[in-house]
Amino acid sequence: MSYIGKTPTPAPLTSSDITDGIITTTKIADSSVTTEKIVADTNFRNIIINGDMSIAQRGTSATGLTNGSSAYHTVDRFQFAESGSPSAAFTQTQSTDVPTGQGFAKSLKMDCTTAQSSLGAGDLIRIRTTFEGQNLQYLKKGTSSAESTTFSFWVKSSKTGTYICQLLDKDNTRSISKSYTISSANTWEKKTITYDGDTTGAFTNDNGSSLQCIWWLAAGSGSSSGTLQTSWGATTTANTAVGQVNLADSTSNDWYITGVQLEAGTSASDFEFLPFDVNFERCKRYFTIPVRSRGSDTPIANGTMYNATDFYGIFEVGKGMRASPTLSAPTGTNFYGLVGNAASDLFTGSDMSFGNITNDGTCKARIEVTSVSGKSQGQGAWVRFEAATDTDDFISASAEL
């Protein structure tokens, strides 16, 4: 517990407070605590992970994002989603443009590079982040005691007007949408939005996808032709993004966001900054890079020749991932080498695979290389990145929602 505000002032001691020279009682005047507020510790009150946009494991820039590019590209836990048949394209970056004096160093930027002035009915462009149900149980959703939640974030855009921020309950297909207004072009503005608690439909208490927060950037008539659904209810597509501006209507348009916080209650508190290492570990639950190329001779795994042509090794993935991850590796020609007998056999990513992936504490996988030559059964060997790679190449593990 801690005191917030003015420090209480003890009342002067009197003779009744001292017995045989020993102070027995210290009184605090009633008037000195009337403005005090005692609050409990509230660590990790922010539901959002990486809300300061400081972690970007995959890279700091991704270009040509369009229909079919719905994925995580730069800033961890914030997914680009474009669907329907839009022709618009965006570049996404982890930017250093941030609101002055707020403690942020990074933001997420969306820059329109191919414009689409007229949207098709099913065209959707969004940024979203998703949460496990087991992390949301304290919101008491689906009960009469359901908690309200409050969004706060800093946003900046060259395009003023109405934008929509939606909460989507994926367990029960329910949602609520609220609008915010960007009033001044190219100016950082802080927005605060409060959503009532939902007394219908509990979040499933597991590691699956339960709640999604969506920032709309463009919406065709299929998602914007009704009445904005500002109270929780069964999701009606036409009511989800009514009034949303079209950020894709000009290549002069951009949109930035940082300082994203979602918390229980009806008011916004100051942004909860976490140490970089804590934030990093939280992101690695969903995506991690066990090994990144540093050029030639970067080690990947040790192992043994299972027979004269097949190598098996143990690949250390990480720990504490949400689920058994999907492993991905670059597939360029001669990216890898299998070293044994002082000789390196070059091979492509298509000759390498991962199997028997575990997720019991420390996540491990079996790495397999086939079509090996010049080796013998039982011979020790190791896999490495070769000189054909560069420092942008990595093997990744994804357990994203």
Protein backbone atom coordinates (compact mmCIF):
# COMPACT_ATOMS: atom_id res chain seq x y z
CA MET A 1 0.00 0.00 0.00
CA SER A 2 1.18 3.52 -0.60
CA TYR A 3 -0.01 7.05 0.12
CA ILE A 4 -0.74 9.26 -2.89
CA GLY A 5 -0.88 12.98 -2.35
CA LYS A 6 0.02 15.14 0.69
CA THR A 7 1.99 13.47 3.46
CA PRO A 8 -0.12 13.26 6.65
CA THR A 9 1.06 15.62 9.43
CA PRO A 10 1.09 14.10 12.97
CA ALA A 11 -0.58 16.12 15.71
CA PRO A 12 1.72 17.55 18.42
CA LEU A 13 2.48 15.12 21.28
CA THR A 14 0.79 15.72 24.63
CA SER A 15 1.55 14.40 28.09
CA SER A 16 -0.92 11.56 27.53
CA ASP A 17 1.30 10.26 24.76
CA ILE A 18 4.33 9.84 27.04
CA THR A 19 4.62 7.43 29.96
CA ASP A 20 7.89 7.26 31.91
CA GLY A 21 9.67 8.95 29.03
CA ILE A 22 8.37 6.44 26.44
CA ILE A 23 6.16 7.54 23.56
CA THR A 24 3.16 5.22 23.55
CA THR A 25 0.87 6.79 20.97
CA THR A 26 1.24 8.96 17.88
CA LYS A 27 -1.92 10.66 16.72
CA ILE A 28 -2.68 11.92 13.22
CA ALA A 29 -5.05 14.83 13.12
CA ASP A 30 -8.29 14.03 11.34
CA SER A 31 -7.98 17.11 9.15
CA SER A 32 -4.60 15.99 7.81
CA VAL A 33 -5.90 12.85 6.03
CA THR A 34 -9.12 14.09 4.50
CA THR A 35 -7.47 14.56 1.08
CA GLU A 36 -5.42 11.36 1.18
CA LYS A 37 -6.06 8.42 -1.11
CA ILE A 38 -4.70 4.97 -0.35
CA VAL A 39 -4.31 2.73 -3.38
CA ALA A 40 -3.15 -0.84 -3.86
CA ASP A 41 -0.29 -1.78 -6.16
CA THR A 42 -1.52 -2.11 -9.74
CA ASN A 43 1.34 -3.73 -11.64
CA PHE A 44 0.39 -5.13 -15.05
CA ARG A 45 -2.89 -3.28 -15.09
CA ASN A 46 -2.41 -2.72 -18.83
CA ILE A 47 -3.98 -5.57 -20.82
CA ILE A 48 -2.10 -4.45 -23.94
CA ILE A 49 1.30 -6.06 -24.53
CA ASN A 50 3.99 -3.83 -26.09
CA GLY A 51 1.75 -0.77 -26.00
CA ASP A 52 4.79 1.51 -26.19
CA MET A 53 5.75 -0.14 -29.52
CA SER A 54 9.31 -0.73 -28.25
CA ILE A 55 9.65 -4.37 -29.41
CA ALA A 56 9.86 -5.16 -33.14
CA GLN A 57 11.54 -8.55 -33.50
CA ARG A 58 10.66 -9.12 -37.16
CA GLY A 59 12.10 -5.81 -38.34
CA THR A 60 11.41 -2.10 -38.36
CA SER A 61 9.83 -1.73 -41.82
CA ALA A 62 7.56 -3.72 -44.14
CA THR A 63 6.49 -2.46 -47.58
CA GLY A 64 3.76 -3.37 -50.04
CA LEU A 65 1.18 -4.43 -47.46
CA THR A 66 -2.09 -5.08 -49.23
CA ASN A 67 -4.83 -7.68 -49.57
CA GLY A 68 -3.35 -11.01 -48.50
CA SER A 69 -0.75 -9.36 -46.25
CA SER A 70 -2.70 -9.84 -43.03
CA ALA A 71 0.05 -10.74 -40.57
CA TYR A 72 2.48 -9.40 -37.98
CA HIS A 73 5.17 -7.46 -39.82
CA THR A 74 7.04 -5.07 -37.52
CA VAL A 75 5.91 -4.09 -34.01
CA ASP A 76 5.18 -7.17 -31.90
CA ARG A 77 1.56 -7.99 -30.99
CA PHE A 78 0.11 -5.47 -33.49
CA GLN A 79 -1.20 -7.17 -36.61
CA PHE A 80 -1.96 -5.58 -39.98
CA ALA A 81 -5.23 -6.90 -41.44
CA GLU A 82 -6.52 -6.10 -44.92
CA SER A 83 -9.28 -8.18 -46.49
CA GLY A 84 -11.91 -8.08 -49.20
CA SER A 85 -10.41 -7.01 -52.52
CA PRO A 86 -8.83 -3.62 -51.83
CA SER A 87 -6.11 -2.27 -54.11
CA ALA A 88 -4.64 0.02 -51.46
CA ALA A 89 -1.13 -0.65 -50.21
CA PHE A 90 0.71 0.49 -47.08
CA THR A 91 4.18 0.62 -45.61
CA GLN A 92 4.34 -0.19 -41.90
CA THR A 93 7.25 1.00 -39.77
CA GLN A 94 8.39 1.18 -36.20
CA SER A 95 8.82 4.95 -36.08
CA THR A 96 10.72 7.28 -33.77
CA ASP A 97 8.05 9.98 -34.20
CA VAL A 98 6.43 10.17 -30.76
CA PRO A 99 4.51 12.66 -28.60
CA THR A 100 6.89 15.06 -26.90
CA GLY A 101 7.61 14.69 -23.20
CA GLN A 102 5.54 11.53 -22.63
CA GLY A 103 8.38 9.02 -22.23
CA PHE A 104 7.79 7.11 -25.46
CA ALA A 105 10.62 6.29 -27.88
CA LYS A 106 8.73 4.37 -30.59
CA SER A 107 5.41 4.37 -32.40
CA LEU A 108 3.69 2.26 -35.06
CA LYS A 109 3.26 4.08 -38.39
CA MET A 110 1.00 3.19 -41.32
CA ASP A 111 1.78 5.06 -44.54
CA CYS A 112 -0.50 4.76 -47.57
CA THR A 113 1.64 4.10 -50.67
CA THR A 114 -1.07 3.07 -53.17
CA ALA A 115 -4.34 4.95 -52.88
CA GLN A 116 -7.88 3.64 -53.25
CA SER A 117 -10.43 6.44 -53.26
CA SER A 118 -13.47 4.15 -53.55
CA LEU A 119 -13.77 1.09 -51.33
CA GLY A 120 -15.60 -2.09 -52.21
CA ALA A 121 -18.34 -3.22 -49.83
CA GLY A 122 -16.17 -5.92 -48.28
CA ASP A 123 -12.90 -3.96 -48.11
CA LEU A 124 -11.45 -3.76 -44.60
CA ILE A 125 -8.15 -2.27 -43.39
CA ARG A 126 -7.31 -2.54 -39.69
CA ILE A 127 -4.65 -2.83 -37.00
CA ARG A 128 -5.49 -5.31 -34.25
CA THR A 129 -4.11 -7.06 -31.19
CA THR A 130 -5.44 -10.24 -29.56
CA PHE A 131 -5.50 -11.66 -26.01
CA GLU A 132 -5.76 -15.01 -24.28
CA GLY A 133 -8.93 -15.65 -22.30
CA GLN A 134 -7.02 -16.81 -19.23
CA ASN A 135 -5.53 -13.31 -18.89
CA LEU A 136 -8.97 -11.66 -18.87
CA GLN A 137 -10.90 -13.52 -16.20
CA TYR A 138 -10.67 -10.63 -13.72
CA LEU A 139 -12.87 -8.57 -16.06
CA LYS A 140 -15.74 -10.87 -14.98
CA LYS A 141 -17.28 -10.75 -18.44
CA GLY A 142 -20.55 -12.63 -18.70
CA THR A 143 -21.53 -11.93 -15.09
CA SER A 144 -23.60 -9.23 -13.40
CA SER A 145 -20.33 -7.83 -12.03
CA ALA A 146 -18.68 -7.35 -15.44
CA GLU A 147 -16.01 -4.65 -15.36
CA SER A 148 -15.98 -1.62 -17.61
CA THR A 149 -12.75 -1.10 -19.53
CA THR A 150 -11.01 2.07 -20.65
CA PHE A 151 -8.77 2.53 -23.67
CA SER A 152 -6.19 5.29 -23.83
CA PHE A 153 -3.63 5.91 -26.54
CA TRP A 154 -1.74 8.59 -28.42
CA VAL A 155 -2.56 8.93 -32.12
CA LYS A 156 -1.49 11.18 -34.99
CA SER A 157 -2.58 11.36 -38.62
CA SER A 158 -2.46 13.61 -41.64
CA LYS A 159 -6.13 12.75 -42.19
CA THR A 160 -8.56 14.25 -39.69
CA GLY A 161 -12.03 12.92 -38.95
CA THR A 162 -13.79 10.00 -37.28
CA TYR A 163 -12.02 6.70 -36.55
CA ILE A 164 -13.44 3.56 -34.95
CA CYS A 165 -11.96 1.43 -32.16
CA GLN A 166 -13.71 -1.92 -31.65
CA LEU A 167 -13.60 -4.63 -28.98
CA LEU A 168 -14.43 -8.06 -30.38
CA ASP A 169 -15.32 -11.04 -28.14
CA LYS A 170 -14.18 -13.94 -30.30
CA ASP A 171 -15.49 -16.60 -27.89
CA ASN A 172 -19.09 -15.43 -28.14
CA THR A 173 -19.14 -13.39 -31.39
CA ARG A 174 -20.04 -10.20 -29.57
CA SER A 175 -18.62 -6.72 -30.02
CA ILE A 176 -18.79 -3.05 -29.15
CA SER A 177 -17.46 -0.10 -31.17
CA LYS A 178 -16.69 3.46 -30.16
CA SER A 179 -15.46 6.40 -32.22
CA TYR A 180 -12.69 8.89 -31.61
CA THR A 181 -11.88 12.03 -33.59
CA ILE A 182 -8.53 13.19 -34.92
CA SER A 183 -9.05 16.94 -34.76
CA SER A 184 -5.73 18.41 -35.91
CA ALA A 185 -3.69 17.06 -38.80
CA ASN A 186 -0.14 15.88 -38.06
CA THR A 187 -0.54 16.50 -34.34
CA TRP A 188 -0.20 13.97 -31.53
CA GLU A 189 -3.48 13.72 -29.58
CA LYS A 190 -4.35 11.54 -26.61
CA LYS A 191 -7.65 9.65 -26.83
CA THR A 192 -9.60 7.98 -24.03
CA ILE A 193 -12.54 5.65 -24.67
CA THR A 194 -14.60 3.80 -22.04
CA TYR A 195 -16.59 0.64 -22.78
CA ASP A 196 -19.29 -0.76 -20.47
CA GLY A 197 -18.83 -4.22 -19.04
CA ASP A 198 -20.58 -7.06 -20.88
CA THR A 199 -22.86 -9.18 -18.69
CA THR A 200 -23.34 -11.76 -21.46
CA GLY A 201 -20.81 -14.33 -22.64
CA ALA A 202 -17.80 -15.24 -20.49
CA PHE A 203 -14.30 -15.44 -21.91
CA THR A 204 -13.02 -19.02 -22.12
CA ASN A 205 -10.39 -19.62 -19.44
CA ASP A 206 -7.60 -20.96 -21.65
CA ASN A 207 -4.73 -19.86 -23.88
CA GLY A 208 -6.93 -19.37 -26.94
CA SER A 209 -7.96 -16.15 -28.66
CA SER A 210 -10.75 -14.45 -26.68
CA LEU A 211 -10.58 -10.66 -27.05
CA GLN A 212 -9.45 -8.61 -30.03
CA CYS A 213 -8.90 -4.85 -30.05
CA ILE A 214 -9.27 -3.33 -33.51
CA TRP A 215 -8.28 0.10 -34.81
CA TRP A 216 -10.08 0.65 -38.11
CA LEU A 217 -8.27 2.51 -40.91
CA ALA A 218 -10.80 1.96 -43.71
CA ALA A 219 -14.16 0.19 -44.00
CA GLY A 220 -16.33 -0.63 -46.99
CA SER A 221 -20.10 -0.29 -46.84
CA GLY A 222 -20.48 -3.87 -45.64
CA SER A 223 -18.99 -2.80 -42.30
CA SER A 224 -20.20 0.79 -42.16
CA SER A 225 -23.74 1.02 -43.60
CA GLY A 226 -25.67 0.50 -40.37
CA THR A 227 -25.73 2.18 -36.96
CA LEU A 228 -22.58 2.13 -34.89
CA GLN A 229 -22.91 -0.55 -32.20
CA THR A 230 -21.88 1.38 -29.10
CA SER A 231 -23.22 -1.22 -26.63
CA TRP A 232 -22.21 -4.84 -26.30
CA GLY A 233 -24.26 -7.20 -28.43
CA ALA A 234 -24.12 -9.92 -31.06
CA THR A 235 -21.79 -8.73 -33.79
CA THR A 236 -23.60 -7.15 -36.73
CA THR A 237 -21.05 -6.56 -39.47
CA ALA A 238 -22.76 -3.47 -40.91
CA ASN A 239 -22.61 -1.78 -37.48
CA THR A 240 -18.93 -2.28 -36.65
CA ALA A 241 -17.19 0.70 -38.30
CA VAL A 242 -19.87 3.25 -39.14
CA GLY A 243 -18.39 6.71 -39.83
CA GLN A 244 -14.81 5.50 -40.32
CA VAL A 245 -12.70 7.72 -42.61
CA ASN A 246 -10.85 6.12 -45.51
CA LEU A 247 -7.14 6.36 -44.68
CA ALA A 248 -6.41 4.73 -48.04
CA ASP A 249 -7.83 7.50 -50.23
CA SER A 250 -4.53 9.34 -50.72
CA THR A 251 -0.83 8.55 -50.70
CA SER A 252 -0.44 11.64 -48.50
CA ASN A 253 -2.18 9.81 -45.65
CA ASP A 254 -0.41 8.32 -42.65
CA TRP A 255 -1.42 7.20 -39.15
CA TYR A 256 0.68 6.75 -36.00
CA ILE A 257 -0.14 5.20 -32.64
CA THR A 258 1.71 4.65 -29.36
CA GLY A 259 1.09 4.56 -25.60
CA VAL A 260 -1.75 2.07 -25.96
CA GLN A 261 -3.38 1.02 -22.69
CA LEU A 262 -6.52 -0.98 -21.94
CA GLU A 263 -7.45 -1.37 -18.29
CA ALA A 264 -10.35 -2.23 -16.04
CA GLY A 265 -12.40 0.72 -14.82
CA THR A 266 -13.99 3.86 -16.14
CA SER A 267 -10.96 6.16 -16.16
CA ALA A 268 -7.51 6.07 -17.70
CA SER A 269 -4.39 5.99 -15.56
CA ASP A 270 -0.92 7.04 -16.68
CA PHE A 271 0.70 4.67 -19.15
CA GLU A 272 2.32 1.72 -17.42
CA PHE A 273 5.93 1.57 -18.59
CA LEU A 274 7.56 -1.83 -18.13
CA PRO A 275 11.29 -2.57 -18.19
CA PHE A 276 12.46 -3.48 -21.70
CA ASP A 277 13.38 -7.04 -20.69
CA VAL A 278 9.95 -7.67 -19.15
CA ASN A 279 8.18 -6.33 -22.23
CA PHE A 280 10.46 -8.42 -24.47
CA GLU A 281 9.72 -11.64 -22.59
CA ARG A 282 5.98 -11.03 -22.80
CA CYS A 283 6.26 -10.65 -26.58
CA LYS A 284 8.37 -13.80 -26.87
CA ARG A 285 5.47 -15.85 -25.53
CA TYR A 286 3.90 -15.36 -28.98
CA PHE A 287 6.89 -14.94 -31.28
CA THR A 288 10.60 -15.46 -30.81
CA ILE A 289 13.76 -15.70 -32.89
CA PRO A 290 15.90 -18.52 -31.46
CA VAL A 291 18.76 -17.79 -33.84
CA ARG A 292 19.56 -14.91 -36.19
CA SER A 293 22.31 -15.05 -38.79
CA ARG A 294 25.42 -13.02 -38.12
CA GLY A 295 26.86 -14.08 -41.46
CA SER A 296 29.07 -17.11 -42.04
CA ASP A 297 29.49 -19.73 -39.30
CA THR A 298 26.52 -18.69 -37.14
CA PRO A 299 25.70 -21.94 -35.23
CA ILE A 300 22.16 -23.32 -35.29
CA ALA A 301 22.24 -26.82 -33.72
CA ASN A 302 24.47 -29.75 -32.82
CA GLY A 303 23.54 -33.33 -33.56
CA THR A 304 24.42 -36.70 -35.04
CA MET A 305 24.11 -38.47 -38.37
CA TYR A 306 21.11 -40.80 -37.99
CA ASN A 307 22.39 -42.67 -41.01
CA ALA A 308 24.67 -41.85 -43.94
CA THR A 309 22.28 -39.29 -45.42
CA ASP A 310 20.11 -37.89 -42.56
CA PHE A 311 21.19 -35.59 -39.74
CA TYR A 312 19.20 -35.17 -36.51
CA GLY A 313 19.86 -32.48 -33.95
CA ILE A 314 18.19 -30.70 -31.02
CA PHE A 315 17.08 -27.14 -31.66
CA GLU A 316 16.47 -24.92 -28.64
CA VAL A 317 13.41 -22.76 -29.36
CA GLY A 318 12.77 -20.89 -26.12
CA LYS A 319 10.55 -21.18 -23.09
CA GLY A 320 7.11 -20.17 -21.95
CA MET A 321 5.52 -19.93 -25.39
CA ARG A 322 1.74 -19.82 -25.55
CA ALA A 323 1.53 -23.12 -27.45
CA SER A 324 3.76 -25.42 -29.48
CA PRO A 325 5.09 -22.99 -32.08
CA THR A 326 5.36 -23.12 -35.84
CA LEU A 327 9.00 -22.86 -36.90
CA SER A 328 10.01 -21.03 -40.07
CA ALA A 329 13.39 -20.65 -41.76
CA PRO A 330 14.62 -18.85 -44.89
CA THR A 331 14.96 -21.16 -47.89
CA GLY A 332 17.54 -19.47 -50.11
CA THR A 333 20.16 -21.48 -51.99
CA ASN A 334 23.20 -22.47 -49.92
CA PHE A 335 21.92 -20.67 -46.83
CA TYR A 336 23.05 -23.50 -44.57
CA GLY A 337 25.95 -25.82 -44.03
CA LEU A 338 26.27 -29.16 -42.26
CA VAL A 339 29.74 -29.37 -40.80
CA GLY A 340 31.49 -32.67 -40.04
CA ASN A 341 34.89 -34.19 -40.82
CA ALA A 342 36.17 -30.62 -41.25
CA ALA A 343 33.98 -30.26 -44.35
CA SER A 344 30.76 -28.30 -44.85
CA ASP A 345 27.98 -29.62 -47.07
CA LEU A 346 25.89 -26.73 -48.35
CA PHE A 347 22.13 -27.15 -48.57
CA THR A 348 18.93 -25.12 -48.97
CA GLY A 349 16.12 -24.60 -46.53
CA SER A 350 13.99 -27.19 -48.38
CA ASP A 351 16.38 -29.90 -47.13
CA MET A 352 15.84 -28.85 -43.49
CA SER A 353 12.76 -29.40 -41.36
CA PHE A 354 11.66 -29.35 -37.72
CA GLY A 355 9.67 -32.02 -35.91
CA ASN A 356 8.63 -33.30 -32.47
CA ILE A 357 8.20 -29.74 -31.19
CA THR A 358 7.61 -29.67 -27.44
CA ASN A 359 6.24 -26.94 -25.23
CA ASP A 360 6.84 -28.26 -21.73
CA GLY A 361 8.73 -25.48 -20.05
CA THR A 362 11.75 -25.14 -22.32
CA CYS A 363 10.54 -25.51 -25.89
CA LYS A 364 12.68 -27.76 -28.10
CA ALA A 365 12.42 -29.25 -31.57
CA ARG A 366 14.18 -31.91 -33.59
CA ILE A 367 16.01 -30.41 -36.55
CA GLU A 368 16.40 -32.72 -39.53
CA VAL A 369 18.60 -32.37 -42.61
CA THR A 370 18.21 -34.82 -45.47
CA SER A 371 20.18 -35.61 -48.63
CA VAL A 372 23.54 -35.32 -46.84
CA SER A 373 26.59 -36.77 -48.53
CA GLY A 374 30.07 -37.74 -47.38
CA LYS A 375 29.05 -38.55 -43.80
CA SER A 376 28.60 -41.77 -41.83
CA GLN A 377 26.08 -43.03 -39.29
CA GLY A 378 26.81 -41.88 -35.74
CA GLN A 379 29.14 -39.08 -36.81
CA GLY A 380 28.81 -35.83 -34.92
CA ALA A 381 28.02 -32.69 -36.91
CA TRP A 382 26.52 -29.23 -36.58
CA VAL A 383 24.30 -26.98 -38.67
CA ARG A 384 25.19 -23.36 -39.31
CA PHE A 385 24.22 -20.35 -41.40
CA GLU A 386 26.60 -19.91 -44.31
CA ALA A 387 28.10 -16.81 -45.94
CA ALA A 388 25.17 -16.59 -48.38
CA THR A 389 22.98 -15.24 -45.57
CA ASP A 390 22.96 -11.83 -43.99
CA THR A 391 21.90 -10.39 -40.64
CA ASP A 392 18.28 -10.03 -41.77
CA ASP A 393 17.88 -13.82 -41.96
CA PHE A 394 16.55 -15.74 -38.97
CA ILE A 395 14.75 -18.85 -37.84
CA SER A 396 11.54 -17.94 -36.05
CA ALA A 397 9.01 -19.61 -33.78
CA SER A 398 5.42 -18.37 -33.80
CA ALA A 399 2.63 -19.16 -31.36
CA GLU A 400 0.60 -16.07 -32.29
CA LEU A 401 -3.11 -15.84 -31.62
